[in-house]
Amino acid sequence: MTSRPARSLLHVPARAAPASRPAGEAVDTPAGILLIAHAPLAHALRQCVLHVFPDAGDDIAALDVQPNVSPEETADTARILIRQFDKPRMLVLADAFGATPCNVAQTLVDGVHSRLVAGVNLPMLLRAFTYRHEPLDALVNRAVTGGAQGVLQVAVATAPQNQAKKRHDLDPYDHHQ
Protein backbone atom coordinates (compact mmCIF):
# COMPACT_ATOMS: atom_id res chain seq x y z
CA MET A 1 0.00 0.00 0.00
CA THR A 2 1.16 3.52 -0.68
CA SER A 3 0.39 6.32 1.66
CA ARG A 4 -0.96 9.66 0.61
CA PRO A 5 1.48 12.53 0.20
CA ALA A 6 2.10 14.42 3.44
CA ARG A 7 0.41 17.53 2.05
CA SER A 8 -2.98 15.79 1.99
CA LEU A 9 -2.56 14.52 5.56
CA LEU A 10 -2.18 17.83 7.29
CA HIS A 11 -2.95 21.46 7.11
CA VAL A 12 -0.59 24.01 8.54
CA PRO A 13 -1.14 27.72 8.07
CA ALA A 14 1.39 29.67 6.02
CA ARG A 15 3.59 31.54 8.46
CA ALA A 16 5.95 34.45 8.18
CA ALA A 17 9.44 34.06 9.59
CA PRO A 18 9.18 34.03 13.40
CA ALA A 19 10.17 37.21 15.18
CA SER A 20 12.03 37.18 18.46
CA ARG A 21 9.66 36.86 21.41
CA PRO A 22 9.81 39.02 24.52
CA ALA A 23 10.10 37.06 27.78
CA GLY A 24 6.48 37.53 28.87
CA GLU A 25 4.79 37.03 25.52
CA ALA A 26 3.68 33.41 26.07
CA VAL A 27 0.37 34.39 27.70
CA ASP A 28 -0.25 37.30 25.32
CA THR A 29 0.29 35.15 22.24
CA PRO A 30 -2.60 32.82 21.47
CA ALA A 31 -1.90 29.15 21.95
CA GLY A 32 -1.84 27.07 18.83
CA ILE A 33 -4.41 24.32 18.65
CA LEU A 34 -3.40 21.11 16.92
CA LEU A 35 -6.06 18.57 16.04
CA ILE A 36 -4.95 14.95 15.60
CA ALA A 37 -7.75 12.57 14.72
CA HIS A 38 -8.80 9.71 12.49
CA ALA A 39 -9.32 10.92 8.91
CA PRO A 40 -11.23 13.06 8.03
CA LEU A 41 -12.24 14.32 11.50
CA ALA A 42 -9.30 16.66 12.18
CA HIS A 43 -9.79 18.63 8.96
CA ALA A 44 -13.57 18.65 9.39
CA LEU A 45 -13.27 20.12 12.89
CA ARG A 46 -10.76 22.70 11.63
CA GLN A 47 -13.25 23.74 8.94
CA CYS A 48 -15.95 24.13 11.61
CA VAL A 49 -13.69 26.48 13.58
CA LEU A 50 -12.95 28.50 10.46
CA HIS A 51 -16.69 28.73 9.80
CA VAL A 52 -17.11 30.49 13.18
CA PHE A 53 -13.72 32.28 13.23
CA PRO A 54 -12.91 32.85 9.53
CA ASP A 55 -9.75 34.89 10.13
CA ALA A 56 -8.18 32.57 12.70
CA GLY A 57 -6.56 29.99 10.44
CA ASP A 58 -3.07 30.78 11.77
CA ASP A 59 -3.97 29.42 15.21
CA ILE A 60 -5.27 25.97 14.27
CA ALA A 61 -3.67 23.05 12.46
CA ALA A 62 -5.01 19.60 11.62
CA LEU A 63 -3.50 16.17 11.08
CA ASP A 64 -5.75 13.43 9.78
CA VAL A 65 -4.44 9.99 10.72
CA GLN A 66 -4.82 7.67 7.76
CA PRO A 67 -5.48 3.95 8.25
CA ASN A 68 -2.63 2.89 5.95
CA VAL A 69 0.10 4.98 7.64
CA SER A 70 2.17 3.64 10.53
CA PRO A 71 2.11 5.39 13.92
CA GLU A 72 5.82 6.16 13.51
CA GLU A 73 5.26 7.87 10.16
CA THR A 74 2.27 9.75 11.61
CA ALA A 75 4.43 10.93 14.52
CA ASP A 76 7.13 12.11 12.11
CA THR A 77 4.53 14.03 10.10
CA ALA A 78 3.15 15.54 13.32
CA ARG A 79 6.61 16.71 14.40
CA ILE A 80 7.11 18.42 11.04
CA LEU A 81 3.70 20.04 11.39
CA ILE A 82 4.51 21.34 14.87
CA ARG A 83 7.82 22.84 13.68
CA GLN A 84 6.01 24.56 10.80
CA PHE A 85 3.20 25.71 13.09
CA ASP A 86 5.75 27.51 15.31
CA LYS A 87 3.67 28.33 18.38
CA PRO A 88 5.27 28.92 21.81
CA ARG A 89 2.29 27.22 23.50
CA MET A 90 0.15 24.46 22.07
CA LEU A 91 -3.00 22.58 23.00
CA VAL A 92 -3.21 19.24 21.22
CA LEU A 93 -6.69 17.75 20.90
CA ALA A 94 -7.07 14.10 19.94
CA ASP A 95 -10.23 12.18 19.15
CA ALA A 96 -10.15 9.04 21.34
CA PHE A 97 -7.95 8.11 24.27
CA GLY A 98 -5.94 4.97 23.53
CA ALA A 99 -6.36 5.22 19.76
CA THR A 100 -3.47 5.90 17.38
CA PRO A 101 -4.04 9.68 17.13
CA CYS A 102 -3.91 10.07 20.90
CA ASN A 103 -0.96 7.70 21.26
CA VAL A 104 0.96 9.73 18.67
CA ALA A 105 -0.04 12.99 20.37
CA GLN A 106 1.28 11.71 23.71
CA THR A 107 4.76 11.54 22.19
CA LEU A 108 4.53 15.20 21.12
CA VAL A 109 3.50 17.07 24.27
CA ASP A 110 5.88 18.06 27.04
CA GLY A 111 3.40 19.08 29.76
CA VAL A 112 4.99 22.54 30.02
CA HIS A 113 4.56 24.31 26.67
CA SER A 114 2.06 21.84 25.28
CA ARG A 115 -0.83 19.85 26.70
CA LEU A 116 -3.01 17.03 25.37
CA VAL A 117 -6.74 16.50 25.78
CA ALA A 118 -8.47 13.43 24.33
CA GLY A 119 -12.12 13.17 23.36
CA VAL A 120 -12.33 16.26 21.20
CA ASN A 121 -15.77 17.42 20.13
CA LEU A 122 -16.93 20.64 18.52
CA PRO A 123 -18.09 22.37 21.75
CA MET A 124 -14.69 21.59 23.32
CA LEU A 125 -12.85 22.94 20.31
CA LEU A 126 -14.89 26.13 20.07
CA ARG A 127 -14.44 26.79 23.79
CA ALA A 128 -10.69 26.19 23.55
CA PHE A 129 -10.41 28.39 20.51
CA THR A 130 -12.36 31.19 22.18
CA TYR A 131 -10.01 31.18 25.20
CA ARG A 132 -6.71 30.42 23.43
CA HIS A 133 -5.10 33.56 24.94
CA GLU A 134 -5.35 32.11 28.47
CA PRO A 135 -2.52 30.19 30.17
CA LEU A 136 -2.38 26.50 29.23
CA ASP A 137 -3.75 25.23 32.57
CA ALA A 138 -6.81 27.47 32.25
CA LEU A 139 -7.16 26.63 28.57
CA VAL A 140 -7.19 22.89 29.30
CA ASN A 141 -9.85 23.40 31.99
CA ARG A 142 -11.96 25.48 29.61
CA ALA A 143 -11.65 22.87 26.86
CA VAL A 144 -12.59 19.93 29.09
CA THR A 145 -15.50 21.85 30.62
CA GLY A 146 -16.73 22.98 27.21
CA GLY A 147 -16.55 19.45 25.87
CA ALA A 148 -18.48 18.02 28.81
CA GLN A 149 -21.10 20.79 28.84
CA GLY A 150 -21.61 20.39 25.10
CA VAL A 151 -22.83 16.81 25.47
CA LEU A 152 -26.43 16.61 26.62
CA GLN A 153 -29.67 14.91 25.84
CA VAL A 154 -32.11 17.20 24.07
CA ALA A 155 -35.83 16.76 24.61
CA VAL A 156 -37.82 16.19 21.43
CA ALA A 157 -40.36 18.93 22.22
CA THR A 158 -37.72 21.58 22.91
CA ALA A 159 -37.58 24.56 20.54
CA PRO A 160 -34.24 24.94 18.74
CA GLN A 161 -31.52 26.60 20.84
CA ASN A 162 -33.79 26.66 23.90
CA GLN A 163 -35.89 29.43 22.34
CA ALA A 164 -39.56 29.33 23.17
CA LYS A 165 -41.88 29.35 20.16
CA LYS A 166 -44.18 32.36 20.18
CA ARG A 167 -47.85 31.51 19.68
CA HIS A 168 -48.39 34.49 17.37
CA ASP A 169 -45.44 33.58 15.13
CA LEU A 170 -46.67 32.26 11.79
CA ASP A 171 -43.21 31.49 10.41
CA PRO A 172 -42.29 27.88 11.36
CA TYR A 173 -38.61 28.58 10.57
CA ASP A 174 -38.18 31.71 12.68
CA HIS A 175 -35.70 30.02 15.01
CA HIS A 176 -33.52 28.44 12.31
CA GLN A 177 -30.18 29.95 11.49
C-alpha atoms as a PDB file:
ATOM      1  CA  MET A   1       0.000   0.000   0.000  1.00  0.00           C
ATOM      2  CA  THR A   2       1.164   3.521  -0.681  1.00  0.00           C
ATOM      3  CA  SER A   3       0.392   6.323   1.664  1.00  0.00           C
ATOM      4  CA  ARG A   4      -0.963   9.662   0.613  1.00  0.00           C
ATOM      5  CA  PRO A   5       1.479  12.532   0.202  1.00  0.00           C
ATOM      6  CA  ALA A   6       2.105  14.419   3.442  1.00  0.00           C
ATOM      7  CA  ARG A   7       0.411  17.529   2.048  1.00  0.00           C
ATOM      8  CA  SER A   8      -2.984  15.792   1.988  1.00  0.00           C
ATOM      9  CA  LEU A   9      -2.556  14.517   5.561  1.00  0.00           C
ATOM     10  CA  LEU A  10      -2.175  17.830   7.292  1.00  0.00           C
ATOM     11  CA  HIS A  11      -2.948  21.464   7.114  1.00  0.00           C
ATOM     12  CA  VAL A  12      -0.593  24.013   8.542  1.00  0.00           C
ATOM     13  CA  PRO A  13      -1.136  27.724   8.074  1.00  0.00           C
ATOM     14  CA  ALA A  14       1.391  29.666   6.017  1.00  0.00           C
ATOM     15  CA  ARG A  15       3.588  31.536   8.463  1.00  0.00           C
ATOM     16  CA  ALA A  16       5.953  34.446   8.179  1.00  0.00           C
ATOM     17  CA  ALA A  17       9.441  34.061   9.592  1.00  0.00           C
ATOM     18  CA  PRO A  18       9.183  34.032  13.397  1.00  0.00           C
ATOM     19  CA  ALA A  19      10.168  37.210  15.179  1.00  0.00           C
ATOM     20  CA  SER A  20      12.032  37.182  18.465  1.00  0.00           C
ATOM     21  CA  ARG A  21       9.665  36.859  21.405  1.00  0.00           C
ATOM     22  CA  PRO A  22       9.814  39.017  24.516  1.00  0.00           C
ATOM     23  CA  ALA A  23      10.096  37.064  27.775  1.00  0.00           C
ATOM     24  CA  GLY A  24       6.475  37.530  28.874  1.00  0.00           C
ATOM     25  CA  GLU A  25       4.792  37.028  25.524  1.00  0.00           C
ATOM     26  CA  ALA A  26       3.683  33.413  26.074  1.00  0.00           C
ATOM     27  CA  VAL A  27       0.369  34.393  27.702  1.00  0.00           C
ATOM     28  CA  ASP A  28      -0.248  37.298  25.318  1.00  0.00           C
ATOM     29  CA  THR A  29       0.288  35.149  22.243  1.00  0.00           C
ATOM     30  CA  PRO A  30      -2.597  32.816  21.472  1.00  0.00           C
ATOM     31  CA  ALA A  31      -1.902  29.152  21.951  1.00  0.00           C
ATOM     32  CA  GLY A  32      -1.845  27.067  18.831  1.00  0.00           C
ATOM     33  CA  ILE A  33      -4.413  24.317  18.652  1.00  0.00           C
ATOM     34  CA  LEU A  34      -3.397  21.112  16.923  1.00  0.00           C
ATOM     35  CA  LEU A  35      -6.062  18.566  16.041  1.00  0.00           C
ATOM     36  CA  ILE A  36      -4.947  14.954  15.600  1.00  0.00           C
ATOM     37  CA  ALA A  37      -7.750  12.567  14.720  1.00  0.00           C
ATOM     38  CA  HIS A  38      -8.802   9.705  12.492  1.00  0.00           C
ATOM     39  CA  ALA A  39      -9.322  10.924   8.914  1.00  0.00           C
ATOM     40  CA  PRO A  40     -11.230  13.064   8.033  1.00  0.00           C
ATOM     41  CA  LEU A  41     -12.239  14.320  11.499  1.00  0.00           C
ATOM     42  CA  ALA A  42      -9.297  16.662  12.178  1.00  0.00           C
ATOM     43  CA  HIS A  43      -9.790  18.633   8.956  1.00  0.00           C
ATOM     44  CA  ALA A  44     -13.569  18.653   9.390  1.00  0.00           C
ATOM     45  CA  LEU A  45     -13.265  20.125  12.889  1.00  0.00           C
ATOM     46  CA  ARG A  46     -10.765  22.701  11.627  1.00  0.00           C
ATOM     47  CA  GLN A  47     -13.249  23.741   8.944  1.00  0.00           C
ATOM     48  CA  CYS A  48     -15.950  24.129  11.612  1.00  0.00           C
ATOM     49  CA  VAL A  49     -13.688  26.480  13.584  1.00  0.00           C
ATOM     50  CA  LEU A  50     -12.953  28.501  10.458  1.00  0.00           C
ATOM     51  CA  HIS A  51     -16.688  28.730   9.801  1.00  0.00           C
ATOM     52  CA  VAL A  52     -17.106  30.489  13.178  1.00  0.00           C
ATOM     53  CA  PHE A  53     -13.718  32.283  13.234  1.00  0.00           C
ATOM     54  CA  PRO A  54     -12.914  32.845   9.532  1.00  0.00           C
ATOM     55  CA  ASP A  55      -9.748  34.895  10.134  1.00  0.00           C
ATOM     56  CA  ALA A  56      -8.181  32.573  12.699  1.00  0.00           C
ATOM     57  CA  GLY A  57      -6.556  29.989  10.442  1.00  0.00           C
ATOM     58  CA  ASP A  58      -3.067  30.775  11.768  1.00  0.00           C
ATOM     59  CA  ASP A  59      -3.974  29.421  15.211  1.00  0.00           C
ATOM     60  CA  ILE A  60      -5.267  25.967  14.269  1.00  0.00           C
ATOM     61  CA  ALA A  61      -3.674  23.047  12.458  1.00  0.00           C
ATOM     62  CA  ALA A  62      -5.006  19.600  11.620  1.00  0.00           C
ATOM     63  CA  LEU A  63      -3.497  16.170  11.078  1.00  0.00           C
ATOM     64  CA  ASP A  64      -5.752  13.426   9.776  1.00  0.00           C
ATOM     65  CA  VAL A  65      -4.440   9.993  10.723  1.00  0.00           C
ATOM     66  CA  GLN A  66      -4.821   7.666   7.756  1.00  0.00           C
ATOM     67  CA  PRO A  67      -5.477   3.946   8.252  1.00  0.00           C
ATOM     68  CA  ASN A  68      -2.625   2.895   5.951  1.00  0.00           C
ATOM     69  CA  VAL A  69       0.097   4.979   7.638  1.00  0.00           C
ATOM     70  CA  SER A  70       2.171   3.637  10.526  1.00  0.00           C
ATOM     71  CA  PRO A  71       2.109   5.391  13.916  1.00  0.00           C
ATOM     72  CA  GLU A  72       5.817   6.165  13.506  1.00  0.00           C
ATOM     73  CA  GLU A  73       5.258   7.871  10.156  1.00  0.00           C
ATOM     74  CA  THR A  74       2.273   9.747  11.608  1.00  0.00           C
ATOM     75  CA  ALA A  75       4.430  10.933  14.520  1.00  0.00           C
ATOM     76  CA  ASP A  76       7.128  12.111  12.106  1.00  0.00           C
ATOM     77  CA  THR A  77       4.528  14.032  10.105  1.00  0.00           C
ATOM     78  CA  ALA A  78       3.147  15.538  13.325  1.00  0.00           C
ATOM     79  CA  ARG A  79       6.614  16.713  14.400  1.00  0.00           C
ATOM     80  CA  ILE A  80       7.115  18.420  11.039  1.00  0.00           C
ATOM     81  CA  LEU A  81       3.699  20.036  11.392  1.00  0.00           C
ATOM     82  CA  ILE A  82       4.515  21.339  14.873  1.00  0.00           C
ATOM     83  CA  ARG A  83       7.820  22.845  13.679  1.00  0.00           C
ATOM     84  CA  GLN A  84       6.011  24.562  10.800  1.00  0.00           C
ATOM     85  CA  PHE A  85       3.199  25.708  13.092  1.00  0.00           C
ATOM     86  CA  ASP A  86       5.748  27.513  15.312  1.00  0.00           C
ATOM     87  CA  LYS A  87       3.667  28.331  18.378  1.00  0.00           C
ATOM     88  CA  PRO A  88       5.274  28.916  21.813  1.00  0.00           C
ATOM     89  CA  ARG A  89       2.286  27.218  23.504  1.00  0.00           C
ATOM     90  CA  MET A  90       0.148  24.462  22.066  1.00  0.00           C
ATOM     91  CA  LEU A  91      -2.998  22.582  23.000  1.00  0.00           C
ATOM     92  CA  VAL A  92      -3.214  19.239  21.224  1.00  0.00           C
ATOM     93  CA  LEU A  93      -6.692  17.753  20.900  1.00  0.00           C
ATOM     94  CA  ALA A  94      -7.070  14.101  19.943  1.00  0.00           C
ATOM     95  CA  ASP A  95     -10.229  12.180  19.154  1.00  0.00           C
ATOM     96  CA  ALA A  96     -10.146   9.045  21.343  1.00  0.00           C
ATOM     97  CA  PHE A  97      -7.947   8.109  24.271  1.00  0.00           C
ATOM     98  CA  GLY A  98      -5.945   4.967  23.531  1.00  0.00           C
ATOM     99  CA  ALA A  99      -6.359   5.216  19.760  1.00  0.00           C
ATOM    100  CA  THR A 100      -3.466   5.899  17.383  1.00  0.00           C
ATOM    101  CA  PRO A 101      -4.035   9.680  17.126  1.00  0.00           C
ATOM    102  CA  CYS A 102      -3.914  10.068  20.903  1.00  0.00           C
ATOM    103  CA  ASN A 103      -0.958   7.703  21.260  1.00  0.00           C
ATOM    104  CA  VAL A 104       0.957   9.728  18.670  1.00  0.00           C
ATOM    105  CA  ALA A 105      -0.039  12.990  20.370  1.00  0.00           C
ATOM    106  CA  GLN A 106       1.280  11.707  23.709  1.00  0.00           C
ATOM    107  CA  THR A 107       4.763  11.540  22.193  1.00  0.00           C
ATOM    108  CA  LEU A 108       4.532  15.198  21.125  1.00  0.00           C
ATOM    109  CA  VAL A 109       3.504  17.066  24.269  1.00  0.00           C
ATOM    110  CA  ASP A 110       5.883  18.063  27.039  1.00  0.00           C
ATOM    111  CA  GLY A 111       3.400  19.083  29.758  1.00  0.00           C
ATOM    112  CA  VAL A 112       4.989  22.544  30.021  1.00  0.00           C
ATOM    113  CA  HIS A 113       4.563  24.313  26.672  1.00  0.00           C
ATOM    114  CA  SER A 114       2.063  21.837  25.281  1.00  0.00           C
ATOM    115  CA  ARG A 115      -0.829  19.845  26.698  1.00  0.00           C
ATOM    116  CA  LEU A 116      -3.014  17.031  25.373  1.00  0.00           C
ATOM    117  CA  VAL A 117      -6.740  16.503  25.781  1.00  0.00           C
ATOM    118  CA  ALA A 118      -8.467  13.428  24.331  1.00  0.00           C
ATOM    119  CA  GLY A 119     -12.124  13.166  23.364  1.00  0.00           C
ATOM    120  CA  VAL A 120     -12.333  16.264  21.202  1.00  0.00           C
ATOM    121  CA  ASN A 121     -15.770  17.417  20.132  1.00  0.00           C
ATOM    122  CA  LEU A 122     -16.931  20.643  18.518  1.00  0.00           C
ATOM    123  CA  PRO A 123     -18.091  22.365  21.750  1.00  0.00           C
ATOM    124  CA  MET A 124     -14.694  21.587  23.321  1.00  0.00           C
ATOM    125  CA  LEU A 125     -12.855  22.936  20.307  1.00  0.00           C
ATOM    126  CA  LEU A 126     -14.891  26.131  20.068  1.00  0.00           C
ATOM    127  CA  ARG A 127     -14.441  26.787  23.786  1.00  0.00           C
ATOM    128  CA  ALA A 128     -10.691  26.188  23.548  1.00  0.00           C
ATOM    129  CA  PHE A 129     -10.414  28.394  20.508  1.00  0.00           C
ATOM    130  CA  THR A 130     -12.355  31.193  22.175  1.00  0.00           C
ATOM    131  CA  TYR A 131     -10.014  31.177  25.196  1.00  0.00           C
ATOM    132  CA  ARG A 132      -6.707  30.418  23.428  1.00  0.00           C
ATOM    133  CA  HIS A 133      -5.103  33.559  24.943  1.00  0.00           C
ATOM    134  CA  GLU A 134      -5.348  32.113  28.467  1.00  0.00           C
ATOM    135  CA  PRO A 135      -2.516  30.188  30.171  1.00  0.00           C
ATOM    136  CA  LEU A 136      -2.385  26.497  29.232  1.00  0.00           C
ATOM    137  CA  ASP A 137      -3.754  25.228  32.565  1.00  0.00           C
ATOM    138  CA  ALA A 138      -6.811  27.471  32.253  1.00  0.00           C
ATOM    139  CA  LEU A 139      -7.164  26.626  28.565  1.00  0.00           C
ATOM    140  CA  VAL A 140      -7.188  22.889  29.302  1.00  0.00           C
ATOM    141  CA  ASN A 141      -9.847  23.402  31.988  1.00  0.00           C
ATOM    142  CA  ARG A 142     -11.963  25.483  29.609  1.00  0.00           C
ATOM    143  CA  ALA A 143     -11.647  22.872  26.861  1.00  0.00           C
ATOM    144  CA  VAL A 144     -12.587  19.933  29.089  1.00  0.00           C
ATOM    145  CA  THR A 145     -15.500  21.845  30.624  1.00  0.00           C
ATOM    146  CA  GLY A 146     -16.735  22.984  27.212  1.00  0.00           C
ATOM    147  CA  GLY A 147     -16.554  19.451  25.872  1.00  0.00           C
ATOM    148  CA  ALA A 148     -18.484  18.017  28.807  1.00  0.00           C
ATOM    149  CA  GLN A 149     -21.102  20.789  28.838  1.00  0.00           C
ATOM    150  CA  GLY A 150     -21.607  20.386  25.100  1.00  0.00           C
ATOM    151  CA  VAL A 151     -22.831  16.812  25.466  1.00  0.00           C
ATOM    152  CA  LEU A 152     -26.427  16.614  26.619  1.00  0.00           C
ATOM    153  CA  GLN A 153     -29.667  14.905  25.838  1.00  0.00           C
ATOM    154  CA  VAL A 154     -32.113  17.196  24.069  1.00  0.00           C
ATOM    155  CA  ALA A 155     -35.831  16.756  24.608  1.00  0.00           C
ATOM    156  CA  VAL A 156     -37.819  16.193  21.425  1.00  0.00           C
ATOM    157  CA  ALA A 157     -40.361  18.925  22.218  1.00  0.00           C
ATOM    158  CA  THR A 158     -37.721  21.579  22.913  1.00  0.00           C
ATOM    159  CA  ALA A 159     -37.577  24.556  20.544  1.00  0.00           C
ATOM    160  CA  PRO A 160     -34.238  24.938  18.740  1.00  0.00           C
ATOM    161  CA  GLN A 161     -31.518  26.597  20.838  1.00  0.00           C
ATOM    162  CA  ASN A 162     -33.794  26.657  23.900  1.00  0.00           C
ATOM    163  CA  GLN A 163     -35.894  29.430  22.339  1.00  0.00           C
ATOM    164  CA  ALA A 164     -39.563  29.330  23.165  1.00  0.00           C
ATOM    165  CA  LYS A 165     -41.877  29.354  20.158  1.00  0.00           C
ATOM    166  CA  LYS A 166     -44.183  32.363  20.182  1.00  0.00           C
ATOM    167  CA  ARG A 167     -47.849  31.514  19.676  1.00  0.00           C
ATOM    168  CA  HIS A 168     -48.395  34.492  17.367  1.00  0.00           C
ATOM    169  CA  ASP A 169     -45.440  33.581  15.131  1.00  0.00           C
ATOM    170  CA  LEU A 170     -46.669  32.255  11.791  1.00  0.00           C
ATOM    171  CA  ASP A 171     -43.206  31.491  10.414  1.00  0.00           C
ATOM    172  CA  PRO A 172     -42.289  27.884  11.357  1.00  0.00           C
ATOM    173  CA  TYR A 173     -38.609  28.575  10.574  1.00  0.00           C
ATOM    174  CA  ASP A 174     -38.176  31.709  12.683  1.00  0.00           C
ATOM    175  CA  HIS A 175     -35.698  30.016  15.007  1.00  0.00           C
ATOM    176  CA  HIS A 176     -33.520  28.445  12.312  1.00  0.00           C
ATOM    177  CA  GLN A 177     -30.177  29.950  11.493  1.00  0.00           C
END
